Amino acid sequence: MKIGRGIITAIFLGAALASCGGGGLPEINAVNCSGRGMEAALSAFSSETESERQVFIDGCEALNK
């Protein structure tokens, strides 16, 4: 019975952690606006979110000044 309970717990925790992750657009901060962080952040934007992408780039430029 402990094995069954462990499997159910693992599935539940996996689902909970998966639902916590991203899905949203990256925040404007020092990590996301420098080097590799910028590369990763820009890849989160799609062609439908071009205006949000530009807002992110402008925010990073303002942060770096």
PDB file of N, CA and C in Angstrom:
ATOM      1  N   MET A   1       0.825  -1.195   0.000  1.00  0.00           N
ATOM      2  CA  MET A   1       0.000   0.000   0.000  1.00  0.00           C
ATOM      3  C   MET A   1       0.867   1.256   0.000  1.00  0.00           C
ATOM      4  N   LYS A   2       2.062   1.184   0.625  1.00  0.00           N
ATOM      5  CA  LYS A   2       2.930   2.353   0.663  1.00  0.00           C
ATOM      6  C   LYS A   2       3.399   2.738  -0.734  1.00  0.00           C
ATOM      7  N   ILE A   3       3.615   1.749  -1.596  1.00  0.00           N
ATOM      8  CA  ILE A   3       4.056   2.041  -2.965  1.00  0.00           C
ATOM      9  C   ILE A   3       2.969   2.794  -3.713  1.00  0.00           C
ATOM     10  N   GLY A   4       1.733   2.377  -3.585  1.00  0.00           N
ATOM     11  CA  GLY A   4       0.608   3.049  -4.245  1.00  0.00           C
ATOM     12  C   GLY A   4       0.455   4.485  -3.754  1.00  0.00           C
ATOM     13  N   ARG A   5       0.618   4.671  -2.455  1.00  0.00           N
ATOM     14  CA  ARG A   5       0.513   6.006  -1.872  1.00  0.00           C
ATOM     15  C   ARG A   5       1.658   6.895  -2.366  1.00  0.00           C
ATOM     16  N   GLY A   6       2.853   6.319  -2.483  1.00  0.00           N
ATOM     17  CA  GLY A   6       4.016   7.064  -2.971  1.00  0.00           C
ATOM     18  C   GLY A   6       3.849   7.496  -4.416  1.00  0.00           C
ATOM     19  N   ILE A   7       3.289   6.617  -5.236  1.00  0.00           N
ATOM     20  CA  ILE A   7       3.058   6.952  -6.646  1.00  0.00           C
ATOM     21  C   ILE A   7       2.034   8.066  -6.763  1.00  0.00           C
ATOM     22  N   ILE A   8       0.967   7.969  -6.004  1.00  0.00           N
ATOM     23  CA  ILE A   8      -0.069   9.015  -6.035  1.00  0.00           C
ATOM     24  C   ILE A   8       0.511  10.343  -5.565  1.00  0.00           C
ATOM     25  N   THR A   9       1.322  10.305  -4.526  1.00  0.00           N
ATOM     26  CA  THR A   9       1.958  11.525  -4.027  1.00  0.00           C
ATOM     27  C   THR A   9       2.883  12.127  -5.076  1.00  0.00           C
ATOM     28  N   ALA A  10       3.659  11.291  -5.748  1.00  0.00           N
ATOM     29  CA  ALA A  10       4.570  11.779  -6.784  1.00  0.00           C
ATOM     30  C   ALA A  10       3.804  12.415  -7.938  1.00  0.00           C
ATOM     31  N   ILE A  11       2.707  11.807  -8.351  1.00  0.00           N
ATOM     32  CA  ILE A  11       1.890  12.367  -9.430  1.00  0.00           C
ATOM     33  C   ILE A  11       1.289  13.701  -8.998  1.00  0.00           C
ATOM     34  N   PHE A  12       0.771  13.746  -7.775  1.00  0.00           N
ATOM     35  CA  PHE A  12       0.173  14.976  -7.273  1.00  0.00           C
ATOM     36  C   PHE A  12       1.202  16.106  -7.207  1.00  0.00           C
ATOM     37  N   LEU A  13       2.377  15.814  -6.649  1.00  0.00           N
ATOM     38  CA  LEU A  13       3.414  16.844  -6.542  1.00  0.00           C
ATOM     39  C   LEU A  13       3.901  17.286  -7.919  1.00  0.00           C
ATOM     40  N   GLY A  14       4.037  16.352  -8.843  1.00  0.00           N
ATOM     41  CA  GLY A  14       4.445  16.699 -10.199  1.00  0.00           C
ATOM     42  C   GLY A  14       3.444  17.627 -10.865  1.00  0.00           C
ATOM     43  N   ALA A  15       2.168  17.328 -10.701  1.00  0.00           N
ATOM     44  CA  ALA A  15       1.126  18.181 -11.280  1.00  0.00           C
ATOM     45  C   ALA A  15       1.118  19.557 -10.631  1.00  0.00           C
ATOM     46  N   ALA A  16       1.305  19.594  -9.321  1.00  0.00           N
ATOM     47  CA  ALA A  16       1.323  20.879  -8.612  1.00  0.00           C
ATOM     48  C   ALA A  16       2.501  21.731  -9.066  1.00  0.00           C
ATOM     49  N   LEU A  17       3.664  21.128  -9.197  1.00  0.00           N
ATOM     50  CA  LEU A  17       4.839  21.886  -9.633  1.00  0.00           C
ATOM     51  C   LEU A  17       4.721  22.334 -11.083  1.00  0.00           C
ATOM     52  N   ALA A  18       4.131  21.513 -11.921  1.00  0.00           N
ATOM     53  CA  ALA A  18       3.964  21.883 -13.326  1.00  0.00           C
ATOM     54  C   ALA A  18       3.008  23.057 -13.462  1.00  0.00           C
ATOM     55  N   SER A  19       1.992  23.111 -12.629  1.00  0.00           N
ATOM     56  CA  SER A  19       1.037  24.206 -12.724  1.00  0.00           C
ATOM     57  C   SER A  19       1.595  25.505 -12.160  1.00  0.00           C
ATOM     58  N   CYS A  20       2.629  25.439 -11.337  1.00  0.00           N
ATOM     59  CA  CYS A  20       3.224  26.640 -10.755  1.00  0.00           C
ATOM     60  C   CYS A  20       4.111  27.374 -11.755  1.00  0.00           C
ATOM     61  N   GLY A  21       4.694  26.662 -12.655  1.00  0.00           N
ATOM     62  CA  GLY A  21       5.685  27.236 -13.558  1.00  0.00           C
ATOM     63  C   GLY A  21       5.109  28.225 -14.525  1.00  0.00           C
ATOM     64  N   GLY A  22       5.961  29.051 -15.042  1.00  0.00           N
ATOM     65  CA  GLY A  22       5.753  30.075 -16.048  1.00  0.00           C
ATOM     66  C   GLY A  22       4.411  30.177 -16.732  1.00  0.00           C
ATOM     67  N   GLY A  23       4.443  30.261 -18.025  1.00  0.00           N
ATOM     68  CA  GLY A  23       3.242  30.495 -18.787  1.00  0.00           C
ATOM     69  C   GLY A  23       3.048  31.972 -19.040  1.00  0.00           C
ATOM     70  N   GLY A  24       3.542  32.811 -18.152  1.00  0.00           N
ATOM     71  CA  GLY A  24       3.428  34.247 -18.321  1.00  0.00           C
ATOM     72  C   GLY A  24       4.656  34.813 -19.004  1.00  0.00           C
ATOM     73  N   LEU A  25       4.592  36.068 -19.282  1.00  0.00           N
ATOM     74  CA  LEU A  25       5.726  36.732 -19.911  1.00  0.00           C
ATOM     75  C   LEU A  25       6.774  37.073 -18.858  1.00  0.00           C
ATOM     76  N   PRO A  26       8.037  37.143 -19.254  1.00  0.00           N
ATOM     77  CA  PRO A  26       9.099  37.435 -18.280  1.00  0.00           C
ATOM     78  C   PRO A  26       8.997  38.846 -17.709  1.00  0.00           C
ATOM     79  N   GLU A  27       9.472  38.983 -16.483  1.00  0.00           N
ATOM     80  CA  GLU A  27       9.463  40.289 -15.819  1.00  0.00           C
ATOM     81  C   GLU A  27      10.699  41.084 -16.213  1.00  0.00           C
ATOM     82  N   ILE A  28      10.580  42.385 -16.109  1.00  0.00           N
ATOM     83  CA  ILE A  28      11.715  43.269 -16.370  1.00  0.00           C
ATOM     84  C   ILE A  28      12.511  43.365 -15.080  1.00  0.00           C
ATOM     85  N   ASN A  29      13.673  42.712 -15.043  1.00  0.00           N
ATOM     86  CA  ASN A  29      14.562  42.788 -13.885  1.00  0.00           C
ATOM     87  C   ASN A  29      15.995  42.600 -14.361  1.00  0.00           C
ATOM     88  N   ALA A  30      16.935  42.749 -13.457  1.00  0.00           N
ATOM     89  CA  ALA A  30      18.354  42.701 -13.819  1.00  0.00           C
ATOM     90  C   ALA A  30      18.761  41.356 -14.408  1.00  0.00           C
ATOM     91  N   VAL A  31      18.188  40.277 -13.920  1.00  0.00           N
ATOM     92  CA  VAL A  31      18.547  38.950 -14.424  1.00  0.00           C
ATOM     93  C   VAL A  31      18.037  38.746 -15.841  1.00  0.00           C
ATOM     94  N   ASN A  32      16.781  39.115 -16.096  1.00  0.00           N
ATOM     95  CA  ASN A  32      16.186  38.907 -17.417  1.00  0.00           C
ATOM     96  C   ASN A  32      16.686  39.914 -18.449  1.00  0.00           C
ATOM     97  N   CYS A  33      17.308  40.977 -18.013  1.00  0.00           N
ATOM     98  CA  CYS A  33      17.736  42.022 -18.949  1.00  0.00           C
ATOM     99  C   CYS A  33      19.231  41.987 -19.240  1.00  0.00           C
ATOM    100  N   SER A  34      19.910  40.912 -18.867  1.00  0.00           N
ATOM    101  CA  SER A  34      21.342  40.865 -19.134  1.00  0.00           C
ATOM    102  C   SER A  34      21.728  39.533 -19.758  1.00  0.00           C
ATOM    103  N   GLY A  35      22.551  39.574 -20.766  1.00  0.00           N
ATOM    104  CA  GLY A  35      23.143  38.405 -21.389  1.00  0.00           C
ATOM    105  C   GLY A  35      22.201  37.265 -21.689  1.00  0.00           C
ATOM    106  N   ARG A  36      22.501  36.108 -21.086  1.00  0.00           N
ATOM    107  CA  ARG A  36      21.722  34.894 -21.337  1.00  0.00           C
ATOM    108  C   ARG A  36      20.273  35.038 -20.873  1.00  0.00           C
ATOM    109  N   GLY A  37      20.068  35.814 -19.830  1.00  0.00           N
ATOM    110  CA  GLY A  37      18.705  36.039 -19.356  1.00  0.00           C
ATOM    111  C   GLY A  37      17.864  36.725 -20.415  1.00  0.00           C
ATOM    112  N   MET A  38      18.475  37.664 -21.132  1.00  0.00           N
ATOM    113  CA  MET A  38      17.771  38.365 -22.208  1.00  0.00           C
ATOM    114  C   MET A  38      17.440  37.391 -23.337  1.00  0.00           C
ATOM    115  N   GLU A  39      18.382  36.513 -23.675  1.00  0.00           N
ATOM    116  CA  GLU A  39      18.123  35.515 -24.721  1.00  0.00           C
ATOM    117  C   GLU A  39      16.939  34.635 -24.349  1.00  0.00           C
ATOM    118  N   ALA A  40      16.940  34.137 -23.132  1.00  0.00           N
ATOM    119  CA  ALA A  40      15.860  33.261 -22.678  1.00  0.00           C
ATOM    120  C   ALA A  40      14.537  34.018 -22.597  1.00  0.00           C
ATOM    121  N   ALA A  41      14.594  35.253 -22.133  1.00  0.00           N
ATOM    122  CA  ALA A  41      13.367  36.035 -21.983  1.00  0.00           C
ATOM    123  C   ALA A  41      12.758  36.352 -23.345  1.00  0.00           C
ATOM    124  N   LEU A  42      13.578  36.711 -24.308  1.00  0.00           N
ATOM    125  CA  LEU A  42      13.051  37.061 -25.632  1.00  0.00           C
ATOM    126  C   LEU A  42      12.470  35.855 -26.349  1.00  0.00           C
ATOM    127  N   SER A  43      12.959  34.663 -26.041  1.00  0.00           N
ATOM    128  CA  SER A  43      12.400  33.473 -26.685  1.00  0.00           C
ATOM    129  C   SER A  43      10.994  33.159 -26.175  1.00  0.00           C
ATOM    130  N   ALA A  44      10.591  33.746 -25.058  1.00  0.00           N
ATOM    131  CA  ALA A  44       9.250  33.518 -24.514  1.00  0.00           C
ATOM    132  C   ALA A  44       8.184  34.293 -25.274  1.00  0.00           C
ATOM    133  N   PHE A  45       8.582  35.281 -26.040  1.00  0.00           N
ATOM    134  CA  PHE A  45       7.630  36.097 -26.787  1.00  0.00           C
ATOM    135  C   PHE A  45       7.368  35.471 -28.154  1.00  0.00           C
ATOM    136  N   SER A  46       6.131  35.538 -28.607  1.00  0.00           N
ATOM    137  CA  SER A  46       5.782  35.025 -29.926  1.00  0.00           C
ATOM    138  C   SER A  46       5.413  36.194 -30.834  1.00  0.00           C
ATOM    139  N   SER A  47       5.067  35.882 -32.062  1.00  0.00           N
ATOM    140  CA  SER A  47       4.722  36.949 -33.002  1.00  0.00           C
ATOM    141  C   SER A  47       3.439  37.681 -32.583  1.00  0.00           C
ATOM    142  N   GLU A  48       2.576  37.004 -31.826  1.00  0.00           N
ATOM    143  CA  GLU A  48       1.338  37.659 -31.362  1.00  0.00           C
ATOM    144  C   GLU A  48       1.607  38.658 -30.240  1.00  0.00           C
ATOM    145  N   THR A  49       2.749  38.522 -29.567  1.00  0.00           N
ATOM    146  CA  THR A  49       3.047  39.395 -28.435  1.00  0.00           C
ATOM    147  C   THR A  49       4.174  40.377 -28.773  1.00  0.00           C
ATOM    148  N   GLU A  50       4.204  40.822 -30.002  1.00  0.00           N
ATOM    149  CA  GLU A  50       5.274  41.727 -30.439  1.00  0.00           C
ATOM    150  C   GLU A  50       5.259  43.034 -29.654  1.00  0.00           C
ATOM    151  N   SER A  51       4.085  43.560 -29.339  1.00  0.00           N
ATOM    152  CA  SER A  51       4.028  44.817 -28.583  1.00  0.00           C
ATOM    153  C   SER A  51       4.568  44.616 -27.162  1.00  0.00           C
ATOM    154  N   GLU A  52       4.239  43.469 -26.530  1.00  0.00           N
ATOM    155  CA  GLU A  52       4.769  43.184 -25.200  1.00  0.00           C
ATOM    156  C   GLU A  52       6.281  42.994 -25.250  1.00  0.00           C
ATOM    157  N   ARG A  53       6.772  42.406 -26.337  1.00  0.00           N
ATOM    158  CA  ARG A  53       8.216  42.217 -26.514  1.00  0.00           C
ATOM    159  C   ARG A  53       8.917  43.569 -26.568  1.00  0.00           C
ATOM    160  N   GLN A  54       8.322  44.502 -27.296  1.00  0.00           N
ATOM    161  CA  GLN A  54       8.925  45.828 -27.404  1.00  0.00           C
ATOM    162  C   GLN A  54       8.896  46.553 -26.059  1.00  0.00           C
ATOM    163  N   VAL A  55       7.823  46.391 -25.308  1.00  0.00           N
ATOM    164  CA  VAL A  55       7.730  46.990 -23.974  1.00  0.00           C
ATOM    165  C   VAL A  55       8.819  46.404 -23.074  1.00  0.00           C
ATOM    166  N   PHE A  56       9.052  45.093 -23.179  1.00  0.00           N
ATOM    167  CA  PHE A  56      10.102  44.444 -22.393  1.00  0.00           C
ATOM    168  C   PHE A  56      11.469  45.008 -22.755  1.00  0.00           C
ATOM    169  N   ILE A  57      11.763  45.138 -24.046  1.00  0.00           N
ATOM    170  CA  ILE A  57      13.049  45.671 -24.494  1.00  0.00           C
ATOM    171  C   ILE A  57      13.231  47.112 -24.025  1.00  0.00           C
ATOM    172  N   ASP A  58      12.190  47.927 -24.155  1.00  0.00           N
ATOM    173  CA  ASP A  58      12.268  49.318 -23.703  1.00  0.00           C
ATOM    174  C   ASP A  58      12.495  49.393 -22.199  1.00  0.00           C
ATOM    175  N   GLY A  59      11.813  48.513 -21.446  1.00  0.00           N
ATOM    176  CA  GLY A  59      12.002  48.483 -19.985  1.00  0.00           C
ATOM    177  C   GLY A  59      13.414  48.091 -19.600  1.00  0.00           C
ATOM    178  N   CYS A  60      13.984  47.136 -20.346  1.00  0.00           N
ATOM    179  CA  CYS A  60      15.371  46.727 -20.076  1.00  0.00           C
ATOM    180  C   CYS A  60      16.342  47.864 -20.381  1.00  0.00           C
ATOM    181  N   GLU A  61      16.100  48.576 -21.464  1.00  0.00           N
ATOM    182  CA  GLU A  61      16.960  49.702 -21.795  1.00  0.00           C
ATOM    183  C   GLU A  61      16.875  50.779 -20.713  1.00  0.00           C
ATOM    184  N   ALA A  62      15.693  51.041 -20.193  1.00  0.00           N
ATOM    185  CA  ALA A  62      15.520  52.026 -19.133  1.00  0.00           C
ATOM    186  C   ALA A  62      16.188  51.532 -17.848  1.00  0.00           C
ATOM    187  N   LEU A  63      16.132  50.231 -17.581  1.00  0.00           N
ATOM    188  CA  LEU A  63      16.742  49.674 -16.389  1.00  0.00           C
ATOM    189  C   LEU A  63      18.269  49.777 -16.443  1.00  0.00           C
ATOM    190  N   ASN A  64      18.822  49.636 -17.614  1.00  0.00           N
ATOM    191  CA  ASN A  64      20.277  49.662 -17.769  1.00  0.00           C
ATOM    192  C   ASN A  64      20.868  51.065 -17.803  1.00  0.00           C
ATOM    193  N   LYS A  65      20.032  52.086 -17.876  1.00  0.00           N
ATOM    194  CA  LYS A  65      20.549  53.473 -17.905  1.00  0.00           C
ATOM    195  C   LYS A  65      20.846  53.977 -16.535  1.00  0.00           C
TER     196      LYS A  65
END
